[in-house]
N, C-alpha and C. Protein backbone atom coordinates (compact mmCIF):
# COMPACT_ATOMS: atom_id res chain seq x y z
N MET A 1 -47.34 2.62 71.87
CA MET A 1 -46.12 1.95 71.67
C MET A 1 -45.80 1.91 70.18
N MET A 2 -44.54 2.20 69.86
CA MET A 2 -44.15 2.25 68.46
C MET A 2 -43.59 0.90 68.03
N ARG A 3 -43.95 0.57 66.86
CA ARG A 3 -43.43 -0.68 66.31
C ARG A 3 -42.09 -0.42 65.62
N PRO A 4 -41.17 -1.34 65.75
CA PRO A 4 -39.90 -1.16 65.03
C PRO A 4 -40.13 -1.33 63.52
N ALA A 5 -39.31 -0.60 62.79
CA ALA A 5 -39.40 -0.68 61.32
C ALA A 5 -39.05 -2.09 60.87
N PRO A 6 -39.77 -2.58 59.88
CA PRO A 6 -39.45 -3.94 59.43
C PRO A 6 -38.04 -4.00 58.82
N SER A 7 -37.32 -5.03 59.11
CA SER A 7 -35.96 -5.16 58.56
C SER A 7 -36.05 -5.67 57.12
N ARG A 8 -35.15 -5.16 56.33
CA ARG A 8 -35.13 -5.56 54.91
C ARG A 8 -34.06 -6.65 54.76
N ARG A 9 -34.51 -7.76 54.36
CA ARG A 9 -33.59 -8.88 54.14
C ARG A 9 -33.67 -9.29 52.70
N PHE A 10 -32.54 -9.73 52.21
CA PHE A 10 -32.53 -10.28 50.87
C PHE A 10 -33.05 -11.70 50.95
N THR A 11 -34.04 -11.94 50.15
CA THR A 11 -34.56 -13.30 50.09
C THR A 11 -33.86 -14.03 48.96
N GLY A 12 -34.15 -15.28 48.83
CA GLY A 12 -33.57 -16.08 47.75
C GLY A 12 -33.91 -15.50 46.38
N TRP A 13 -35.10 -14.94 46.25
CA TRP A 13 -35.51 -14.36 44.96
C TRP A 13 -34.72 -13.10 44.63
N HIS A 14 -34.42 -12.32 45.65
CA HIS A 14 -33.63 -11.11 45.42
C HIS A 14 -32.23 -11.46 44.94
N MET A 15 -31.61 -12.43 45.60
CA MET A 15 -30.26 -12.85 45.20
C MET A 15 -30.26 -13.43 43.79
N THR A 16 -31.26 -14.21 43.48
CA THR A 16 -31.36 -14.79 42.13
C THR A 16 -31.49 -13.67 41.10
N GLY A 17 -32.30 -12.67 41.39
CA GLY A 17 -32.47 -11.54 40.48
C GLY A 17 -31.18 -10.77 40.27
N LEU A 18 -30.42 -10.56 41.36
CA LEU A 18 -29.13 -9.86 41.24
C LEU A 18 -28.14 -10.65 40.40
N LEU A 19 -28.08 -11.95 40.62
CA LEU A 19 -27.16 -12.78 39.84
C LEU A 19 -27.53 -12.79 38.36
N VAL A 20 -28.81 -12.91 38.08
CA VAL A 20 -29.25 -12.90 36.68
C VAL A 20 -28.93 -11.55 36.03
N ALA A 21 -29.17 -10.45 36.74
CA ALA A 21 -28.87 -9.12 36.21
C ALA A 21 -27.37 -8.96 35.97
N PHE A 22 -26.55 -9.41 36.91
CA PHE A 22 -25.10 -9.31 36.76
C PHE A 22 -24.62 -10.05 35.51
N PHE A 23 -25.02 -11.29 35.36
CA PHE A 23 -24.57 -12.07 34.21
C PHE A 23 -25.16 -11.56 32.90
N ALA A 24 -26.34 -10.98 32.94
CA ALA A 24 -26.92 -10.38 31.73
C ALA A 24 -26.06 -9.20 31.27
N VAL A 25 -25.59 -8.39 32.20
CA VAL A 25 -24.72 -7.27 31.85
C VAL A 25 -23.38 -7.78 31.29
N VAL A 26 -22.80 -8.78 31.93
CA VAL A 26 -21.52 -9.34 31.45
C VAL A 26 -21.68 -9.91 30.04
N ILE A 27 -22.73 -10.64 29.78
CA ILE A 27 -22.96 -11.23 28.46
C ILE A 27 -23.20 -10.14 27.42
N ALA A 28 -23.96 -9.11 27.77
CA ALA A 28 -24.22 -8.01 26.83
C ALA A 28 -22.93 -7.28 26.47
N VAL A 29 -22.08 -7.02 27.45
CA VAL A 29 -20.80 -6.35 27.18
C VAL A 29 -19.92 -7.23 26.31
N ASN A 30 -19.84 -8.53 26.58
CA ASN A 30 -19.05 -9.45 25.76
C ASN A 30 -19.55 -9.47 24.32
N CYS A 31 -20.86 -9.52 24.13
CA CYS A 31 -21.42 -9.51 22.77
C CYS A 31 -21.08 -8.22 22.04
N LEU A 32 -21.17 -7.09 22.73
CA LEU A 32 -20.83 -5.81 22.12
C LEU A 32 -19.36 -5.78 21.72
N MET A 33 -18.47 -6.19 22.60
CA MET A 33 -17.04 -6.18 22.31
C MET A 33 -16.69 -7.12 21.16
N ALA A 34 -17.30 -8.30 21.12
CA ALA A 34 -17.04 -9.23 20.03
C ALA A 34 -17.53 -8.66 18.70
N THR A 35 -18.68 -8.02 18.70
CA THR A 35 -19.20 -7.41 17.47
C THR A 35 -18.28 -6.30 16.98
N LEU A 36 -17.83 -5.44 17.88
CA LEU A 36 -16.92 -4.36 17.48
C LEU A 36 -15.59 -4.92 16.96
N ALA A 37 -15.09 -5.97 17.57
CA ALA A 37 -13.83 -6.56 17.12
C ALA A 37 -13.96 -7.14 15.72
N VAL A 38 -15.04 -7.84 15.45
CA VAL A 38 -15.22 -8.47 14.14
C VAL A 38 -15.42 -7.40 13.06
N ARG A 39 -16.15 -6.35 13.37
CA ARG A 39 -16.41 -5.31 12.38
C ARG A 39 -15.20 -4.45 12.09
N SER A 40 -14.26 -4.34 13.01
CA SER A 40 -13.11 -3.46 12.80
C SER A 40 -11.89 -4.19 12.25
N PHE A 41 -11.89 -5.51 12.19
CA PHE A 41 -10.75 -6.26 11.66
C PHE A 41 -10.82 -6.24 10.14
N GLY A 42 -9.74 -5.75 9.53
CA GLY A 42 -9.74 -5.54 8.09
C GLY A 42 -9.52 -6.78 7.24
N GLY A 43 -9.06 -7.86 7.78
CA GLY A 43 -8.87 -9.03 6.96
C GLY A 43 -7.71 -9.89 7.41
N VAL A 44 -7.23 -10.66 6.50
CA VAL A 44 -6.19 -11.65 6.76
C VAL A 44 -4.82 -10.99 6.68
N VAL A 45 -3.94 -11.32 7.60
CA VAL A 45 -2.58 -10.79 7.57
C VAL A 45 -1.78 -11.46 6.47
N VAL A 46 -1.85 -12.77 6.37
CA VAL A 46 -1.25 -13.52 5.27
C VAL A 46 -2.28 -14.52 4.76
N ASP A 47 -2.20 -14.85 3.48
CA ASP A 47 -3.16 -15.78 2.90
C ASP A 47 -3.01 -17.19 3.46
N ASN A 48 -1.77 -17.64 3.61
CA ASN A 48 -1.52 -18.99 4.07
C ASN A 48 -0.34 -18.94 5.04
N SER A 49 -0.59 -19.16 6.31
CA SER A 49 0.48 -19.02 7.30
C SER A 49 1.58 -20.06 7.12
N TYR A 50 1.25 -21.25 6.64
CA TYR A 50 2.28 -22.28 6.43
C TYR A 50 3.24 -21.84 5.33
N VAL A 51 2.69 -21.37 4.21
CA VAL A 51 3.54 -20.92 3.10
C VAL A 51 4.38 -19.72 3.55
N ALA A 52 3.78 -18.81 4.30
CA ALA A 52 4.53 -17.65 4.80
C ALA A 52 5.68 -18.09 5.70
N SER A 53 5.45 -19.11 6.53
CA SER A 53 6.52 -19.57 7.42
C SER A 53 7.68 -20.18 6.62
N GLN A 54 7.39 -20.78 5.49
CA GLN A 54 8.44 -21.37 4.66
C GLN A 54 9.28 -20.29 3.97
N LYS A 55 8.70 -19.11 3.75
CA LYS A 55 9.41 -18.02 3.08
C LYS A 55 10.11 -17.08 4.07
N PHE A 56 9.90 -17.30 5.36
CA PHE A 56 10.37 -16.34 6.37
C PHE A 56 11.88 -16.12 6.32
N ASN A 57 12.68 -17.18 6.23
CA ASN A 57 14.13 -17.02 6.21
C ASN A 57 14.58 -16.24 4.98
N GLY A 58 13.93 -16.45 3.86
CA GLY A 58 14.24 -15.68 2.65
C GLY A 58 13.95 -14.21 2.85
N TRP A 59 12.85 -13.92 3.53
CA TRP A 59 12.51 -12.52 3.82
C TRP A 59 13.55 -11.88 4.73
N LEU A 60 14.06 -12.65 5.70
CA LEU A 60 15.11 -12.13 6.58
C LEU A 60 16.38 -11.83 5.79
N ASP A 61 16.75 -12.71 4.87
CA ASP A 61 17.93 -12.49 4.03
C ASP A 61 17.77 -11.23 3.18
N GLU A 62 16.58 -11.04 2.61
CA GLU A 62 16.31 -9.83 1.81
C GLU A 62 16.41 -8.58 2.68
N ALA A 63 15.90 -8.65 3.90
CA ALA A 63 15.95 -7.50 4.80
C ALA A 63 17.40 -7.16 5.16
N ARG A 64 18.23 -8.16 5.40
CA ARG A 64 19.64 -7.91 5.71
C ARG A 64 20.37 -7.30 4.52
N ALA A 65 20.09 -7.82 3.32
CA ALA A 65 20.72 -7.25 2.12
C ALA A 65 20.28 -5.80 1.93
N GLN A 66 19.03 -5.52 2.18
CA GLN A 66 18.51 -4.16 2.04
C GLN A 66 19.17 -3.23 3.06
N THR A 67 19.37 -3.71 4.28
CA THR A 67 20.02 -2.90 5.32
C THR A 67 21.46 -2.59 4.94
N ARG A 68 22.16 -3.56 4.34
CA ARG A 68 23.55 -3.35 3.91
C ARG A 68 23.66 -2.27 2.84
N LEU A 69 22.63 -2.11 2.01
CA LEU A 69 22.66 -1.06 0.98
C LEU A 69 22.71 0.33 1.61
N GLY A 70 22.05 0.51 2.74
CA GLY A 70 22.06 1.80 3.42
C GLY A 70 21.17 2.85 2.77
N TRP A 71 20.21 2.43 1.97
CA TRP A 71 19.32 3.40 1.32
C TRP A 71 18.41 4.04 2.35
N ARG A 72 18.07 5.28 2.10
CA ARG A 72 17.14 6.01 2.94
C ARG A 72 15.99 6.51 2.08
N GLY A 73 14.79 6.27 2.53
CA GLY A 73 13.61 6.73 1.81
C GLY A 73 12.80 7.67 2.68
N GLU A 74 12.68 8.92 2.26
CA GLU A 74 11.90 9.93 2.97
C GLU A 74 10.56 10.07 2.26
N VAL A 75 9.47 9.72 2.94
CA VAL A 75 8.13 9.76 2.35
C VAL A 75 7.36 10.92 2.96
N THR A 76 6.79 11.76 2.10
CA THR A 76 5.98 12.88 2.56
C THR A 76 4.70 12.95 1.74
N LEU A 77 3.74 13.65 2.29
CA LEU A 77 2.47 13.87 1.60
C LEU A 77 2.44 15.33 1.17
N LEU A 78 2.35 15.57 -0.14
CA LEU A 78 2.33 16.93 -0.67
C LEU A 78 0.97 17.57 -0.43
N PRO A 79 0.86 18.90 -0.51
CA PRO A 79 -0.42 19.58 -0.25
C PRO A 79 -1.58 19.06 -1.10
N GLY A 80 -1.35 18.66 -2.33
CA GLY A 80 -2.43 18.12 -3.17
C GLY A 80 -2.72 16.65 -2.90
N ARG A 81 -2.11 16.09 -1.84
CA ARG A 81 -2.26 14.69 -1.41
C ARG A 81 -1.60 13.70 -2.35
N HIS A 82 -0.60 14.16 -3.14
CA HIS A 82 0.27 13.25 -3.87
C HIS A 82 1.35 12.79 -2.89
N VAL A 83 1.85 11.58 -3.07
CA VAL A 83 2.91 11.06 -2.22
C VAL A 83 4.25 11.37 -2.88
N ALA A 84 5.20 11.88 -2.09
CA ALA A 84 6.54 12.18 -2.58
C ALA A 84 7.53 11.27 -1.88
N LEU A 85 8.50 10.77 -2.65
CA LEU A 85 9.55 9.90 -2.11
C LEU A 85 10.89 10.48 -2.50
N SER A 86 11.75 10.70 -1.52
CA SER A 86 13.12 11.14 -1.74
C SER A 86 14.01 9.96 -1.37
N LEU A 87 14.77 9.47 -2.32
CA LEU A 87 15.55 8.25 -2.13
C LEU A 87 17.03 8.54 -2.26
N THR A 88 17.81 8.19 -1.21
CA THR A 88 19.26 8.41 -1.22
C THR A 88 19.98 7.14 -0.81
N ASP A 89 21.27 7.06 -1.20
CA ASP A 89 22.07 5.91 -0.83
C ASP A 89 22.80 6.18 0.49
N ALA A 90 23.73 5.31 0.86
CA ALA A 90 24.43 5.42 2.14
C ALA A 90 25.29 6.68 2.22
N GLN A 91 25.70 7.24 1.08
CA GLN A 91 26.50 8.47 1.06
C GLN A 91 25.62 9.70 0.85
N ALA A 92 24.30 9.56 1.01
CA ALA A 92 23.32 10.65 0.85
C ALA A 92 23.25 11.18 -0.57
N LYS A 93 23.64 10.36 -1.54
CA LYS A 93 23.51 10.75 -2.95
C LYS A 93 22.17 10.25 -3.46
N PRO A 94 21.49 11.04 -4.31
CA PRO A 94 20.19 10.61 -4.82
C PRO A 94 20.30 9.35 -5.67
N ILE A 95 19.29 8.50 -5.54
CA ILE A 95 19.22 7.29 -6.34
C ILE A 95 18.27 7.57 -7.49
N ALA A 96 18.84 7.77 -8.65
CA ALA A 96 18.04 8.12 -9.83
C ALA A 96 17.81 6.90 -10.70
N GLY A 97 16.76 6.96 -11.50
CA GLY A 97 16.50 5.92 -12.48
C GLY A 97 15.80 4.69 -11.95
N GLY A 98 15.22 4.78 -10.77
CA GLY A 98 14.51 3.64 -10.21
C GLY A 98 13.07 3.59 -10.69
N THR A 99 12.49 2.41 -10.62
CA THR A 99 11.07 2.24 -10.89
C THR A 99 10.38 2.08 -9.54
N VAL A 100 9.45 2.99 -9.25
CA VAL A 100 8.82 3.00 -7.94
C VAL A 100 7.33 2.73 -8.07
N ARG A 101 6.87 1.77 -7.29
CA ARG A 101 5.45 1.44 -7.22
C ARG A 101 5.09 1.33 -5.74
N ALA A 102 3.82 1.57 -5.45
CA ALA A 102 3.38 1.47 -4.05
C ALA A 102 1.95 0.99 -4.00
N LEU A 103 1.60 0.42 -2.87
CA LEU A 103 0.23 0.04 -2.59
C LEU A 103 -0.16 0.76 -1.31
N ALA A 104 -1.19 1.60 -1.41
CA ALA A 104 -1.69 2.32 -0.24
C ALA A 104 -2.85 1.53 0.33
N GLN A 105 -2.75 1.19 1.61
CA GLN A 105 -3.77 0.39 2.26
C GLN A 105 -4.28 1.14 3.49
N HIS A 106 -5.59 1.10 3.67
CA HIS A 106 -6.17 1.68 4.87
C HIS A 106 -5.89 0.73 6.03
N PRO A 107 -5.39 1.22 7.16
CA PRO A 107 -4.98 0.31 8.25
C PRO A 107 -6.08 -0.62 8.74
N LEU A 108 -7.32 -0.19 8.69
CA LEU A 108 -8.41 -1.05 9.17
C LEU A 108 -9.14 -1.74 8.03
N GLY A 109 -8.68 -1.58 6.80
CA GLY A 109 -9.30 -2.25 5.68
C GLY A 109 -10.66 -1.71 5.30
N ARG A 110 -10.97 -0.48 5.71
CA ARG A 110 -12.30 0.06 5.42
C ARG A 110 -12.39 0.72 4.07
N ALA A 111 -11.27 0.96 3.43
CA ALA A 111 -11.25 1.57 2.10
C ALA A 111 -10.47 0.64 1.18
N PRO A 112 -10.81 0.63 -0.10
CA PRO A 112 -10.08 -0.25 -1.02
C PRO A 112 -8.62 0.19 -1.17
N ASP A 113 -7.76 -0.78 -1.47
CA ASP A 113 -6.34 -0.48 -1.70
C ASP A 113 -6.21 0.39 -2.95
N ILE A 114 -5.17 1.23 -2.96
CA ILE A 114 -4.91 2.12 -4.09
C ILE A 114 -3.50 1.83 -4.59
N ALA A 115 -3.38 1.45 -5.86
CA ALA A 115 -2.07 1.23 -6.47
C ALA A 115 -1.53 2.56 -6.97
N LEU A 116 -0.28 2.82 -6.64
CA LEU A 116 0.36 4.08 -7.04
C LEU A 116 1.60 3.78 -7.88
N ALA A 117 1.75 4.52 -8.95
CA ALA A 117 2.99 4.51 -9.73
C ALA A 117 3.65 5.87 -9.49
N PHE A 118 4.96 5.90 -9.49
CA PHE A 118 5.69 7.13 -9.23
C PHE A 118 6.48 7.53 -10.47
N HIS A 119 6.63 8.84 -10.64
CA HIS A 119 7.42 9.39 -11.73
C HIS A 119 8.56 10.19 -11.13
N GLU A 120 9.73 10.07 -11.72
CA GLU A 120 10.89 10.79 -11.20
C GLU A 120 10.83 12.24 -11.67
N ARG A 121 10.76 13.16 -10.73
CA ARG A 121 10.67 14.60 -11.05
C ARG A 121 12.05 15.26 -11.05
N ALA A 122 12.94 14.71 -10.26
CA ALA A 122 14.33 15.17 -10.16
C ALA A 122 15.13 13.95 -9.73
N PRO A 123 16.46 13.97 -9.87
CA PRO A 123 17.24 12.79 -9.47
C PRO A 123 16.95 12.38 -8.02
N GLY A 124 16.44 11.17 -7.86
CA GLY A 124 16.15 10.63 -6.54
C GLY A 124 14.86 11.13 -5.92
N ARG A 125 14.08 11.93 -6.64
CA ARG A 125 12.82 12.47 -6.11
C ARG A 125 11.67 11.98 -6.99
N TYR A 126 10.77 11.25 -6.36
CA TYR A 126 9.67 10.61 -7.07
C TYR A 126 8.34 11.11 -6.51
N THR A 127 7.34 11.24 -7.41
CA THR A 127 6.00 11.70 -7.01
C THR A 127 4.97 10.73 -7.56
N SER A 128 3.95 10.44 -6.76
CA SER A 128 2.90 9.49 -7.17
C SER A 128 2.02 10.09 -8.25
N ASP A 129 1.47 9.21 -9.09
CA ASP A 129 0.60 9.65 -10.17
C ASP A 129 -0.82 9.92 -9.69
N HIS A 130 -1.24 9.29 -8.59
CA HIS A 130 -2.58 9.49 -8.05
C HIS A 130 -2.49 10.14 -6.66
N THR A 131 -3.58 10.76 -6.27
CA THR A 131 -3.67 11.33 -4.92
C THR A 131 -4.31 10.32 -3.99
N LEU A 132 -4.10 10.55 -2.70
CA LEU A 132 -4.73 9.69 -1.69
C LEU A 132 -5.91 10.42 -1.06
N PRO A 133 -7.00 9.70 -0.81
CA PRO A 133 -8.12 10.32 -0.08
C PRO A 133 -7.68 10.68 1.34
N PRO A 134 -8.42 11.58 2.00
CA PRO A 134 -8.08 11.92 3.38
C PRO A 134 -8.10 10.68 4.28
N GLY A 135 -7.28 10.71 5.30
CA GLY A 135 -7.23 9.61 6.26
C GLY A 135 -5.82 9.07 6.40
N ARG A 136 -5.70 8.07 7.24
CA ARG A 136 -4.41 7.43 7.48
C ARG A 136 -4.24 6.29 6.48
N TRP A 137 -3.04 6.20 5.90
CA TRP A 137 -2.74 5.17 4.90
C TRP A 137 -1.41 4.53 5.22
N GLN A 138 -1.33 3.24 4.96
CA GLN A 138 -0.09 2.50 5.08
C GLN A 138 0.43 2.29 3.67
N LEU A 139 1.67 2.72 3.41
CA LEU A 139 2.25 2.60 2.07
C LEU A 139 3.27 1.48 2.05
N ARG A 140 3.10 0.58 1.12
CA ARG A 140 4.07 -0.49 0.87
C ARG A 140 4.74 -0.14 -0.46
N ILE A 141 5.93 0.43 -0.36
CA ILE A 141 6.63 0.96 -1.53
C ILE A 141 7.69 -0.03 -1.96
N THR A 142 7.78 -0.26 -3.27
CA THR A 142 8.82 -1.11 -3.84
C THR A 142 9.60 -0.28 -4.85
N VAL A 143 10.92 -0.21 -4.65
CA VAL A 143 11.80 0.50 -5.57
C VAL A 143 12.64 -0.54 -6.28
N ARG A 144 12.53 -0.59 -7.59
CA ARG A 144 13.36 -1.50 -8.39
C ARG A 144 14.48 -0.67 -9.01
N HIS A 145 15.69 -1.03 -8.64
CA HIS A 145 16.87 -0.31 -9.15
C HIS A 145 17.99 -1.31 -9.29
N GLY A 146 18.52 -1.43 -10.46
CA GLY A 146 19.58 -2.42 -10.68
C GLY A 146 19.01 -3.82 -10.63
N ALA A 147 19.70 -4.71 -9.93
CA ALA A 147 19.30 -6.11 -9.90
C ALA A 147 18.31 -6.44 -8.80
N GLY A 148 18.09 -5.52 -7.88
CA GLY A 148 17.25 -5.88 -6.74
C GLY A 148 16.13 -4.90 -6.47
N ASP A 149 15.33 -5.27 -5.49
CA ASP A 149 14.23 -4.44 -5.05
C ASP A 149 14.52 -3.93 -3.64
N HIS A 150 14.04 -2.74 -3.38
CA HIS A 150 14.15 -2.14 -2.05
C HIS A 150 12.72 -1.89 -1.58
N HIS A 151 12.40 -2.32 -0.36
CA HIS A 151 11.04 -2.19 0.15
C HIS A 151 11.01 -1.17 1.29
N ILE A 152 9.98 -0.33 1.25
CA ILE A 152 9.79 0.69 2.28
C ILE A 152 8.35 0.58 2.76
N LEU A 153 8.17 0.59 4.07
CA LEU A 153 6.84 0.58 4.66
C LEU A 153 6.70 1.83 5.52
N ARG A 154 5.75 2.68 5.16
CA ARG A 154 5.53 3.92 5.91
C ARG A 154 4.03 4.13 6.11
N GLU A 155 3.70 4.85 7.18
CA GLU A 155 2.32 5.23 7.43
C GLU A 155 2.22 6.74 7.37
N ILE A 156 1.23 7.25 6.64
CA ILE A 156 1.05 8.69 6.50
C ILE A 156 -0.41 9.05 6.76
N ASP A 157 -0.64 10.31 7.14
CA ASP A 157 -2.00 10.82 7.35
C ASP A 157 -2.31 11.81 6.25
């Protein structure tokens, strides 16, 4: 006579082991994700959020005034990794005689910021004095012309 195969049942210890293993995996994944998030965040968006909130309406007014000017800024990266800026007004005429400065920032904050000064090579055409290292960069360009400043934000590779 043949004996039936013993049935496999989960005991209390088996269930406890499965629950412990499940939560161990969840906790390990959460720790990994938190570590990656902290290491990849480049820093503070604003130094003081309260002060920034007080300046917000002024920033909106500046943005509206800038939009009314109708200036266009074309930013390109030259083969030698110098930054080129072509600046025109609302009638597509070059804007000559401006003072152009920029701050190149790595989007994830892994490289130090690079300050760039620009020199006018032709009317309305400006070229940076320094080159940018390889990679993606966010450029915060300020053009001073006449009584006001014009701000341009571009990302280049």
